[in-house]
Amino acid sequence: MAEEVKSKTLVEPKTQLASKPTVQFKLSVEPKTIAELEAMHTGTLMNRRKALLACPETSVLPELEKVLAIGEVRSKDTAVWRQAYQDLKSVLDQREHLPSKQERKSMRQQRARRRF
């Protein structure tokens, strides 16, 4: 038994420090229908907005890849991007406003001032 324990400890790999995960957006955003957008959580919609805004202004893809990417949102100079962004904005306009970090801080400070 002692031999088994020693062999297990010798075989264990050394642990490496994990690198900090980075947030990366896809190169393309899948178009969604208005019904699909309405079913999404507001935070998910805001992440989708961020991904759409992260798309490059113009496509740097070769013509062949542009043809294959029909239906995907890859750059802001396409009708697909404009329609996806317009649909997203129309759904977000119907949602309640979520205060930003700075707005929440301001509200919290105002509440604290009223208490004293």
N, C-alpha and C. Protein backbone atom coordinates (compact mmCIF):
# COMPACT_ATOMS: atom_id res chain seq x y z
N MET A 1 0.81 -1.19 0.00
CA MET A 1 0.00 0.00 0.00
C MET A 1 0.85 1.25 0.00
N ALA A 2 1.89 1.25 0.76
CA ALA A 2 2.75 2.42 0.84
C ALA A 2 3.36 2.72 -0.53
N GLU A 3 3.65 1.67 -1.29
CA GLU A 3 4.20 1.86 -2.62
C GLU A 3 3.19 2.54 -3.53
N GLU A 4 1.91 2.19 -3.41
CA GLU A 4 0.87 2.80 -4.24
C GLU A 4 0.76 4.29 -3.95
N VAL A 5 0.81 4.65 -2.70
CA VAL A 5 0.70 6.06 -2.32
C VAL A 5 1.88 6.84 -2.87
N LYS A 6 3.09 6.31 -2.77
CA LYS A 6 4.27 6.99 -3.28
C LYS A 6 4.17 7.16 -4.79
N SER A 7 3.73 6.13 -5.49
CA SER A 7 3.66 6.23 -6.95
C SER A 7 2.60 7.24 -7.37
N LYS A 8 1.51 7.33 -6.63
CA LYS A 8 0.48 8.31 -6.96
C LYS A 8 0.98 9.73 -6.76
N THR A 9 1.73 9.96 -5.71
CA THR A 9 2.21 11.32 -5.46
C THR A 9 3.27 11.71 -6.48
N LEU A 10 4.03 10.77 -6.97
CA LEU A 10 5.05 11.09 -7.96
C LEU A 10 4.44 11.36 -9.34
N VAL A 11 3.31 10.77 -9.62
CA VAL A 11 2.69 10.89 -10.93
C VAL A 11 1.84 12.15 -11.06
N GLU A 12 1.41 12.70 -9.94
CA GLU A 12 0.53 13.87 -9.99
C GLU A 12 1.20 15.02 -10.73
N PRO A 13 0.49 15.63 -11.66
CA PRO A 13 1.08 16.75 -12.40
C PRO A 13 1.16 17.99 -11.52
N LYS A 14 2.10 18.85 -11.84
CA LYS A 14 2.23 20.09 -11.10
C LYS A 14 1.09 21.02 -11.52
N THR A 15 0.58 21.72 -10.56
CA THR A 15 -0.51 22.65 -10.88
C THR A 15 0.10 23.93 -11.43
N GLN A 16 -0.52 24.43 -12.47
CA GLN A 16 -0.07 25.67 -13.07
C GLN A 16 -1.06 26.77 -12.72
N LEU A 17 -0.56 27.95 -12.64
CA LEU A 17 -1.44 29.08 -12.36
C LEU A 17 -2.33 29.32 -13.58
N ALA A 18 -3.60 29.43 -13.33
CA ALA A 18 -4.52 29.67 -14.43
C ALA A 18 -4.44 31.13 -14.83
N SER A 19 -4.42 31.35 -16.13
CA SER A 19 -4.40 32.73 -16.59
C SER A 19 -5.79 33.34 -16.44
N LYS A 20 -5.83 34.62 -16.31
CA LYS A 20 -7.10 35.32 -16.13
C LYS A 20 -7.92 35.19 -17.41
N PRO A 21 -9.17 34.75 -17.30
CA PRO A 21 -9.98 34.58 -18.52
C PRO A 21 -10.27 35.94 -19.15
N THR A 22 -10.25 35.96 -20.46
CA THR A 22 -10.55 37.18 -21.17
C THR A 22 -11.87 37.02 -21.89
N VAL A 23 -12.59 38.12 -22.03
CA VAL A 23 -13.87 38.10 -22.72
C VAL A 23 -13.61 38.42 -24.18
N GLN A 24 -14.01 37.53 -25.04
CA GLN A 24 -13.84 37.76 -26.46
C GLN A 24 -15.19 37.59 -27.14
N PHE A 25 -15.44 38.45 -28.12
CA PHE A 25 -16.67 38.34 -28.87
C PHE A 25 -16.42 37.53 -30.13
N LYS A 26 -17.45 36.87 -30.59
CA LYS A 26 -17.34 36.12 -31.82
C LYS A 26 -17.12 37.07 -32.98
N LEU A 27 -16.59 36.54 -34.06
CA LEU A 27 -16.41 37.36 -35.25
C LEU A 27 -17.73 37.66 -35.92
N SER A 28 -18.72 36.86 -35.64
CA SER A 28 -20.03 37.10 -36.24
C SER A 28 -21.10 36.92 -35.17
N VAL A 29 -22.23 37.56 -35.41
CA VAL A 29 -23.36 37.48 -34.50
C VAL A 29 -24.52 36.88 -35.27
N GLU A 30 -25.13 35.88 -34.70
CA GLU A 30 -26.24 35.21 -35.38
C GLU A 30 -27.49 36.08 -35.33
N PRO A 31 -28.13 36.32 -36.47
CA PRO A 31 -29.36 37.12 -36.45
C PRO A 31 -30.48 36.40 -35.71
N LYS A 32 -31.30 37.15 -35.01
CA LYS A 32 -32.43 36.60 -34.26
C LYS A 32 -33.70 37.30 -34.70
N THR A 33 -34.82 36.60 -34.59
CA THR A 33 -36.10 37.22 -34.88
C THR A 33 -36.52 38.07 -33.69
N ILE A 34 -37.48 38.93 -33.92
CA ILE A 34 -37.96 39.79 -32.83
C ILE A 34 -38.56 38.93 -31.72
N ALA A 35 -39.24 37.85 -32.07
CA ALA A 35 -39.81 36.96 -31.05
C ALA A 35 -38.71 36.34 -30.20
N GLU A 36 -37.62 35.94 -30.82
CA GLU A 36 -36.50 35.37 -30.06
C GLU A 36 -35.86 36.43 -29.16
N LEU A 37 -35.75 37.66 -29.67
CA LEU A 37 -35.18 38.74 -28.87
C LEU A 37 -36.07 39.06 -27.68
N GLU A 38 -37.38 39.07 -27.88
CA GLU A 38 -38.30 39.37 -26.78
C GLU A 38 -38.25 38.33 -25.68
N ALA A 39 -37.89 37.09 -26.03
CA ALA A 39 -37.82 36.02 -25.04
C ALA A 39 -36.51 36.07 -24.25
N MET A 40 -35.54 36.87 -24.69
CA MET A 40 -34.24 36.93 -24.02
C MET A 40 -34.29 37.85 -22.80
N HIS A 41 -33.43 37.57 -21.85
CA HIS A 41 -33.25 38.39 -20.65
C HIS A 41 -32.60 39.71 -21.06
N THR A 42 -32.89 40.78 -20.35
CA THR A 42 -32.38 42.10 -20.69
C THR A 42 -30.85 42.14 -20.68
N GLY A 43 -30.23 41.46 -19.74
CA GLY A 43 -28.77 41.41 -19.70
C GLY A 43 -28.19 40.74 -20.93
N THR A 44 -28.86 39.69 -21.40
CA THR A 44 -28.43 39.00 -22.61
C THR A 44 -28.55 39.93 -23.81
N LEU A 45 -29.62 40.71 -23.84
CA LEU A 45 -29.80 41.67 -24.94
C LEU A 45 -28.70 42.73 -24.91
N MET A 46 -28.32 43.16 -23.72
CA MET A 46 -27.26 44.17 -23.61
C MET A 46 -25.91 43.58 -24.07
N ASN A 47 -25.67 42.32 -23.77
CA ASN A 47 -24.45 41.66 -24.26
C ASN A 47 -24.48 41.52 -25.78
N ARG A 48 -25.66 41.25 -26.31
CA ARG A 48 -25.80 41.16 -27.77
C ARG A 48 -25.53 42.52 -28.40
N ARG A 49 -26.02 43.59 -27.77
CA ARG A 49 -25.78 44.94 -28.27
C ARG A 49 -24.28 45.22 -28.29
N LYS A 50 -23.59 44.83 -27.21
CA LYS A 50 -22.15 45.04 -27.12
C LYS A 50 -21.43 44.28 -28.23
N ALA A 51 -21.89 43.06 -28.51
CA ALA A 51 -21.26 42.25 -29.57
C ALA A 51 -21.52 42.88 -30.94
N LEU A 52 -22.72 43.40 -31.15
CA LEU A 52 -23.02 44.05 -32.42
C LEU A 52 -22.17 45.30 -32.60
N LEU A 53 -22.01 46.07 -31.54
CA LEU A 53 -21.20 47.28 -31.64
C LEU A 53 -19.72 46.96 -31.80
N ALA A 54 -19.30 45.77 -31.38
CA ALA A 54 -17.90 45.37 -31.52
C ALA A 54 -17.56 44.91 -32.93
N CYS A 55 -18.57 44.73 -33.77
CA CYS A 55 -18.32 44.33 -35.16
C CYS A 55 -17.53 45.43 -35.86
N PRO A 56 -16.63 45.06 -36.77
CA PRO A 56 -15.87 46.09 -37.49
C PRO A 56 -16.77 46.93 -38.38
N GLU A 57 -16.32 48.16 -38.66
CA GLU A 57 -17.09 49.06 -39.51
C GLU A 57 -17.29 48.48 -40.90
N THR A 58 -16.24 47.96 -41.49
CA THR A 58 -16.33 47.36 -42.82
C THR A 58 -15.77 45.95 -42.76
N SER A 59 -16.24 45.14 -43.65
CA SER A 59 -15.81 43.75 -43.68
C SER A 59 -14.46 43.65 -44.36
N VAL A 60 -13.57 42.88 -43.76
CA VAL A 60 -12.25 42.65 -44.34
C VAL A 60 -12.18 41.23 -44.92
N LEU A 61 -13.33 40.61 -45.05
CA LEU A 61 -13.38 39.24 -45.57
C LEU A 61 -13.28 39.25 -47.09
N PRO A 62 -12.65 38.23 -47.64
CA PRO A 62 -12.66 38.09 -49.10
C PRO A 62 -14.09 37.89 -49.60
N GLU A 63 -14.31 38.15 -50.87
CA GLU A 63 -15.66 38.06 -51.45
C GLU A 63 -16.27 36.68 -51.25
N LEU A 64 -15.48 35.61 -51.37
CA LEU A 64 -16.02 34.26 -51.22
C LEU A 64 -16.57 34.06 -49.82
N GLU A 65 -15.85 34.52 -48.80
CA GLU A 65 -16.33 34.36 -47.43
C GLU A 65 -17.55 35.23 -47.17
N LYS A 66 -17.66 36.38 -47.83
CA LYS A 66 -18.84 37.23 -47.68
C LYS A 66 -20.08 36.50 -48.19
N VAL A 67 -19.93 35.78 -49.29
CA VAL A 67 -21.05 35.03 -49.85
C VAL A 67 -21.45 33.89 -48.92
N LEU A 68 -20.46 33.21 -48.33
CA LEU A 68 -20.73 32.10 -47.42
C LEU A 68 -21.32 32.58 -46.10
N ALA A 69 -21.08 33.83 -45.74
CA ALA A 69 -21.53 34.35 -44.45
C ALA A 69 -22.89 35.03 -44.53
N ILE A 70 -23.65 34.75 -45.56
CA ILE A 70 -24.97 35.37 -45.69
C ILE A 70 -25.81 34.95 -44.49
N GLY A 71 -26.46 35.90 -43.89
CA GLY A 71 -27.27 35.62 -42.72
C GLY A 71 -26.55 35.83 -41.41
N GLU A 72 -25.23 35.99 -41.45
CA GLU A 72 -24.47 36.27 -40.24
C GLU A 72 -24.12 37.74 -40.22
N VAL A 73 -24.06 38.29 -39.03
CA VAL A 73 -23.69 39.69 -38.87
C VAL A 73 -22.19 39.73 -38.62
N ARG A 74 -21.44 40.27 -39.58
CA ARG A 74 -19.98 40.32 -39.43
C ARG A 74 -19.43 41.73 -39.46
N SER A 75 -20.12 42.66 -40.07
CA SER A 75 -19.62 44.04 -40.10
C SER A 75 -20.80 45.00 -40.14
N LYS A 76 -20.54 46.24 -39.76
CA LYS A 76 -21.60 47.24 -39.65
C LYS A 76 -22.06 47.77 -41.00
N ASP A 77 -21.33 47.51 -42.07
CA ASP A 77 -21.70 48.06 -43.36
C ASP A 77 -22.69 47.17 -44.13
N THR A 78 -23.28 46.20 -43.46
CA THR A 78 -24.23 45.31 -44.13
C THR A 78 -25.66 45.60 -43.68
N ALA A 79 -26.60 45.25 -44.55
CA ALA A 79 -28.01 45.42 -44.22
C ALA A 79 -28.42 44.49 -43.08
N VAL A 80 -27.77 43.35 -42.98
CA VAL A 80 -28.07 42.39 -41.91
C VAL A 80 -27.74 43.01 -40.56
N TRP A 81 -26.60 43.72 -40.44
CA TRP A 81 -26.24 44.36 -39.18
C TRP A 81 -27.24 45.45 -38.82
N ARG A 82 -27.57 46.28 -39.81
CA ARG A 82 -28.52 47.37 -39.55
C ARG A 82 -29.86 46.83 -39.08
N GLN A 83 -30.35 45.75 -39.71
CA GLN A 83 -31.63 45.17 -39.32
C GLN A 83 -31.54 44.54 -37.93
N ALA A 84 -30.44 43.84 -37.64
CA ALA A 84 -30.26 43.20 -36.33
C ALA A 84 -30.21 44.26 -35.24
N TYR A 85 -29.51 45.37 -35.50
CA TYR A 85 -29.40 46.42 -34.49
C TYR A 85 -30.74 47.14 -34.30
N GLN A 86 -31.45 47.37 -35.39
CA GLN A 86 -32.77 48.01 -35.31
C GLN A 86 -33.74 47.14 -34.52
N ASP A 87 -33.76 45.84 -34.79
CA ASP A 87 -34.63 44.92 -34.05
C ASP A 87 -34.28 44.90 -32.57
N LEU A 88 -32.99 44.86 -32.28
CA LEU A 88 -32.54 44.84 -30.89
C LEU A 88 -32.96 46.12 -30.17
N LYS A 89 -32.77 47.26 -30.80
CA LYS A 89 -33.14 48.53 -30.18
C LYS A 89 -34.65 48.62 -29.95
N SER A 90 -35.45 48.09 -30.88
CA SER A 90 -36.90 48.14 -30.71
C SER A 90 -37.34 47.30 -29.51
N VAL A 91 -36.68 46.17 -29.29
CA VAL A 91 -37.02 45.32 -28.14
C VAL A 91 -36.53 45.98 -26.85
N LEU A 92 -35.31 46.54 -26.86
CA LEU A 92 -34.79 47.19 -25.66
C LEU A 92 -35.58 48.43 -25.28
N ASP A 93 -36.15 49.12 -26.26
CA ASP A 93 -36.95 50.32 -25.98
C ASP A 93 -38.20 49.97 -25.18
N GLN A 94 -38.67 48.74 -25.28
CA GLN A 94 -39.87 48.31 -24.56
C GLN A 94 -39.56 47.85 -23.13
N ARG A 95 -38.27 47.65 -22.82
CA ARG A 95 -37.87 47.15 -21.51
C ARG A 95 -37.67 48.29 -20.53
N GLU A 96 -37.67 47.92 -19.24
CA GLU A 96 -37.41 48.92 -18.20
C GLU A 96 -35.94 49.31 -18.26
N HIS A 97 -35.65 50.49 -17.75
CA HIS A 97 -34.29 51.00 -17.75
C HIS A 97 -33.51 50.35 -16.62
N LEU A 98 -32.35 49.84 -16.93
CA LEU A 98 -31.45 49.30 -15.92
C LEU A 98 -30.39 50.34 -15.64
N PRO A 99 -30.33 50.84 -14.41
CA PRO A 99 -29.35 51.88 -14.11
C PRO A 99 -27.91 51.37 -14.24
N SER A 100 -27.05 52.25 -14.71
CA SER A 100 -25.63 51.90 -14.84
C SER A 100 -24.98 51.90 -13.46
N LYS A 101 -23.74 51.52 -13.42
CA LYS A 101 -23.01 51.48 -12.15
C LYS A 101 -22.96 52.87 -11.53
N GLN A 102 -22.69 53.88 -12.34
CA GLN A 102 -22.62 55.26 -11.84
C GLN A 102 -23.98 55.73 -11.35
N GLU A 103 -25.06 55.38 -12.07
CA GLU A 103 -26.41 55.76 -11.64
C GLU A 103 -26.78 55.09 -10.32
N ARG A 104 -26.44 53.80 -10.17
CA ARG A 104 -26.72 53.10 -8.91
C ARG A 104 -25.96 53.72 -7.75
N LYS A 105 -24.72 54.12 -8.00
CA LYS A 105 -23.90 54.75 -6.96
C LYS A 105 -24.54 56.07 -6.53
N SER A 106 -24.98 56.86 -7.51
CA SER A 106 -25.61 58.14 -7.21
C SER A 106 -26.89 57.95 -6.40
N MET A 107 -27.71 56.99 -6.78
CA MET A 107 -28.96 56.72 -6.05
C MET A 107 -28.67 56.28 -4.61
N ARG A 108 -27.66 55.43 -4.44
CA ARG A 108 -27.28 54.94 -3.12
C ARG A 108 -26.79 56.09 -2.24
N GLN A 109 -26.00 56.99 -2.82
CA GLN A 109 -25.51 58.14 -2.06
C GLN A 109 -26.64 59.08 -1.67
N GLN A 110 -27.61 59.27 -2.55
CA GLN A 110 -28.76 60.13 -2.24
C GLN A 110 -29.59 59.55 -1.11
N ARG A 111 -29.79 58.22 -1.13
CA ARG A 111 -30.52 57.57 -0.04
C ARG A 111 -29.80 57.74 1.29
N ALA A 112 -28.48 57.63 1.25
CA ALA A 112 -27.68 57.76 2.47
C ALA A 112 -27.77 59.19 3.02
N ARG A 113 -27.78 60.19 2.15
CA ARG A 113 -27.89 61.59 2.60
C ARG A 113 -29.23 61.86 3.26
N ARG A 114 -30.28 61.25 2.75
CA ARG A 114 -31.62 61.46 3.30
C ARG A 114 -31.75 60.89 4.71
N ARG A 115 -31.00 59.86 5.01
CA ARG A 115 -31.07 59.22 6.33
C ARG A 115 -30.48 60.10 7.42
N PHE A 116 -29.52 60.92 7.09
CA PHE A 116 -28.84 61.74 8.11
C PHE A 116 -29.30 63.15 8.10
